[in-house]
Amino acid sequence: MSDITVTVPDTQLIQLKEKANRLGITLADLVLLSIEAVLSRPDEDFLKTADYVVRKNAELYRRLG
């Protein structure tokens, strides 16, 4: 595992610490969970393309179904 350093405003650091405390986890765990959430979301371009393909082929899908 690698280390990174992130500079955040003091007000955000306080909010992050409070959030981690409310959740009963460490600040590091909160940051890791946030990173995992961002990385697990599909890219917006993929979602737009998938939506386009489904709409474009809706009639075909209806006939095949």
N, C-alpha and C. Protein backbone atom coordinates (compact mmCIF):
# COMPACT_ATOMS: atom_id res chain seq x y z
N MET A 1 0.85 -1.17 0.00
CA MET A 1 0.00 0.00 0.00
C MET A 1 0.90 1.23 0.00
N SER A 2 0.45 2.27 -0.66
CA SER A 2 1.21 3.51 -0.75
C SER A 2 0.56 4.60 0.08
N ASP A 3 1.35 5.57 0.46
CA ASP A 3 0.86 6.74 1.20
C ASP A 3 0.71 7.91 0.25
N ILE A 4 -0.29 8.75 0.53
CA ILE A 4 -0.44 10.01 -0.17
C ILE A 4 -0.70 11.09 0.86
N THR A 5 -0.40 12.31 0.49
CA THR A 5 -0.67 13.45 1.36
C THR A 5 -1.65 14.37 0.65
N VAL A 6 -2.69 14.75 1.36
CA VAL A 6 -3.71 15.63 0.80
C VAL A 6 -3.86 16.83 1.72
N THR A 7 -3.84 18.01 1.13
CA THR A 7 -4.04 19.23 1.90
C THR A 7 -5.50 19.66 1.80
N VAL A 8 -6.15 19.80 2.94
CA VAL A 8 -7.55 20.23 2.97
C VAL A 8 -7.67 21.42 3.91
N PRO A 9 -8.65 22.27 3.66
CA PRO A 9 -8.87 23.39 4.58
C PRO A 9 -9.21 22.87 5.99
N ASP A 10 -8.85 23.65 6.99
CA ASP A 10 -9.10 23.25 8.38
C ASP A 10 -10.57 22.95 8.63
N THR A 11 -11.45 23.74 8.04
CA THR A 11 -12.88 23.52 8.27
C THR A 11 -13.33 22.16 7.74
N GLN A 12 -12.80 21.76 6.59
CA GLN A 12 -13.15 20.44 6.04
C GLN A 12 -12.54 19.32 6.87
N LEU A 13 -11.35 19.53 7.37
CA LEU A 13 -10.71 18.51 8.21
C LEU A 13 -11.54 18.28 9.47
N ILE A 14 -12.02 19.35 10.06
CA ILE A 14 -12.87 19.22 11.25
C ILE A 14 -14.13 18.44 10.91
N GLN A 15 -14.75 18.78 9.78
CA GLN A 15 -15.97 18.07 9.36
C GLN A 15 -15.69 16.59 9.10
N LEU A 16 -14.57 16.30 8.46
CA LEU A 16 -14.21 14.90 8.19
C LEU A 16 -13.99 14.12 9.48
N LYS A 17 -13.30 14.73 10.41
CA LYS A 17 -13.05 14.06 11.70
C LYS A 17 -14.36 13.82 12.44
N GLU A 18 -15.26 14.81 12.42
CA GLU A 18 -16.56 14.65 13.07
C GLU A 18 -17.38 13.54 12.42
N LYS A 19 -17.35 13.50 11.09
CA LYS A 19 -18.08 12.45 10.35
C LYS A 19 -17.53 11.07 10.69
N ALA A 20 -16.21 10.94 10.68
CA ALA A 20 -15.59 9.65 11.02
C ALA A 20 -15.95 9.24 12.44
N ASN A 21 -15.93 10.20 13.35
CA ASN A 21 -16.27 9.92 14.74
C ASN A 21 -17.72 9.44 14.87
N ARG A 22 -18.64 10.11 14.17
CA ARG A 22 -20.05 9.70 14.19
C ARG A 22 -20.24 8.30 13.64
N LEU A 23 -19.43 7.96 12.64
CA LEU A 23 -19.54 6.63 12.03
C LEU A 23 -18.77 5.56 12.80
N GLY A 24 -17.96 6.01 13.76
CA GLY A 24 -17.19 5.06 14.57
C GLY A 24 -16.01 4.46 13.82
N ILE A 25 -15.45 5.23 12.88
CA ILE A 25 -14.29 4.76 12.13
C ILE A 25 -13.19 5.81 12.20
N THR A 26 -12.01 5.43 11.76
CA THR A 26 -10.91 6.37 11.74
C THR A 26 -11.04 7.29 10.53
N LEU A 27 -10.34 8.41 10.61
CA LEU A 27 -10.32 9.34 9.49
C LEU A 27 -9.75 8.66 8.24
N ALA A 28 -8.70 7.87 8.43
CA ALA A 28 -8.09 7.15 7.30
C ALA A 28 -9.10 6.20 6.66
N ASP A 29 -9.87 5.50 7.48
CA ASP A 29 -10.88 4.58 6.93
C ASP A 29 -11.96 5.34 6.17
N LEU A 30 -12.36 6.51 6.68
CA LEU A 30 -13.35 7.33 5.98
C LEU A 30 -12.84 7.75 4.61
N VAL A 31 -11.59 8.15 4.56
CA VAL A 31 -10.99 8.56 3.29
C VAL A 31 -10.92 7.37 2.33
N LEU A 32 -10.48 6.22 2.82
CA LEU A 32 -10.41 5.03 1.96
C LEU A 32 -11.79 4.62 1.44
N LEU A 33 -12.80 4.68 2.31
CA LEU A 33 -14.16 4.35 1.87
C LEU A 33 -14.64 5.33 0.80
N SER A 34 -14.30 6.59 0.96
CA SER A 34 -14.69 7.59 -0.04
C SER A 34 -14.02 7.33 -1.38
N ILE A 35 -12.76 6.97 -1.33
CA ILE A 35 -12.03 6.65 -2.57
C ILE A 35 -12.65 5.43 -3.24
N GLU A 36 -12.95 4.41 -2.45
CA GLU A 36 -13.57 3.20 -3.01
C GLU A 36 -14.92 3.52 -3.65
N ALA A 37 -15.69 4.41 -3.02
CA ALA A 37 -16.99 4.78 -3.58
C ALA A 37 -16.84 5.48 -4.92
N VAL A 38 -15.87 6.36 -5.03
CA VAL A 38 -15.63 7.07 -6.30
C VAL A 38 -15.17 6.10 -7.38
N LEU A 39 -14.27 5.20 -7.04
CA LEU A 39 -13.73 4.27 -8.02
C LEU A 39 -14.74 3.22 -8.46
N SER A 40 -15.73 2.93 -7.64
CA SER A 40 -16.70 1.89 -7.99
C SER A 40 -17.86 2.42 -8.84
N ARG A 41 -17.98 3.75 -8.97
CA ARG A 41 -19.04 4.32 -9.80
C ARG A 41 -18.67 4.22 -11.27
N PRO A 42 -19.65 3.87 -12.11
CA PRO A 42 -19.35 3.85 -13.55
C PRO A 42 -19.07 5.27 -14.06
N ASP A 43 -18.25 5.36 -15.06
CA ASP A 43 -17.96 6.66 -15.67
C ASP A 43 -19.20 7.22 -16.33
N GLU A 44 -19.36 8.54 -16.29
CA GLU A 44 -20.51 9.21 -16.88
C GLU A 44 -20.62 8.93 -18.38
N ASP A 45 -19.49 8.89 -19.08
CA ASP A 45 -19.53 8.61 -20.53
C ASP A 45 -20.11 7.23 -20.81
N PHE A 46 -19.75 6.24 -19.98
CA PHE A 46 -20.30 4.90 -20.17
C PHE A 46 -21.81 4.91 -19.96
N LEU A 47 -22.27 5.60 -18.92
CA LEU A 47 -23.70 5.65 -18.64
C LEU A 47 -24.46 6.32 -19.78
N LYS A 48 -23.92 7.40 -20.31
CA LYS A 48 -24.56 8.09 -21.43
C LYS A 48 -24.63 7.19 -22.66
N THR A 49 -23.55 6.48 -22.94
CA THR A 49 -23.51 5.59 -24.10
C THR A 49 -24.48 4.44 -23.93
N ALA A 50 -24.51 3.84 -22.76
CA ALA A 50 -25.43 2.73 -22.51
C ALA A 50 -26.88 3.19 -22.65
N ASP A 51 -27.20 4.37 -22.13
CA ASP A 51 -28.55 4.91 -22.25
C ASP A 51 -28.92 5.15 -23.71
N TYR A 52 -27.97 5.68 -24.49
CA TYR A 52 -28.20 5.92 -25.92
C TYR A 52 -28.49 4.61 -26.65
N VAL A 53 -27.70 3.59 -26.38
CA VAL A 53 -27.88 2.31 -27.07
C VAL A 53 -29.22 1.69 -26.72
N VAL A 54 -29.59 1.75 -25.45
CA VAL A 54 -30.87 1.18 -25.04
C VAL A 54 -32.03 1.93 -25.69
N ARG A 55 -31.98 3.26 -25.69
CA ARG A 55 -33.06 4.03 -26.32
C ARG A 55 -33.10 3.80 -27.83
N LYS A 56 -31.93 3.76 -28.47
CA LYS A 56 -31.86 3.58 -29.92
C LYS A 56 -32.42 2.22 -30.34
N ASN A 57 -32.19 1.20 -29.53
CA ASN A 57 -32.60 -0.15 -29.89
C ASN A 57 -33.85 -0.61 -29.14
N ALA A 58 -34.58 0.30 -28.54
CA ALA A 58 -35.75 -0.07 -27.73
C ALA A 58 -36.75 -0.90 -28.53
N GLU A 59 -37.05 -0.49 -29.74
CA GLU A 59 -38.03 -1.23 -30.55
C GLU A 59 -37.52 -2.64 -30.86
N LEU A 60 -36.28 -2.76 -31.20
CA LEU A 60 -35.71 -4.09 -31.45
C LEU A 60 -35.80 -4.97 -30.21
N TYR A 61 -35.43 -4.42 -29.06
CA TYR A 61 -35.49 -5.19 -27.81
C TYR A 61 -36.94 -5.62 -27.52
N ARG A 62 -37.90 -4.71 -27.82
CA ARG A 62 -39.31 -5.04 -27.57
C ARG A 62 -39.74 -6.20 -28.46
N ARG A 63 -39.34 -6.18 -29.73
CA ARG A 63 -39.73 -7.26 -30.67
C ARG A 63 -39.05 -8.59 -30.32
N LEU A 64 -37.82 -8.51 -29.84
CA LEU A 64 -37.11 -9.74 -29.48
C LEU A 64 -37.62 -10.34 -28.19
N GLY A 65 -38.22 -9.51 -27.33
CA GLY A 65 -38.67 -9.96 -26.01
C GLY A 65 -39.92 -10.69 -26.04
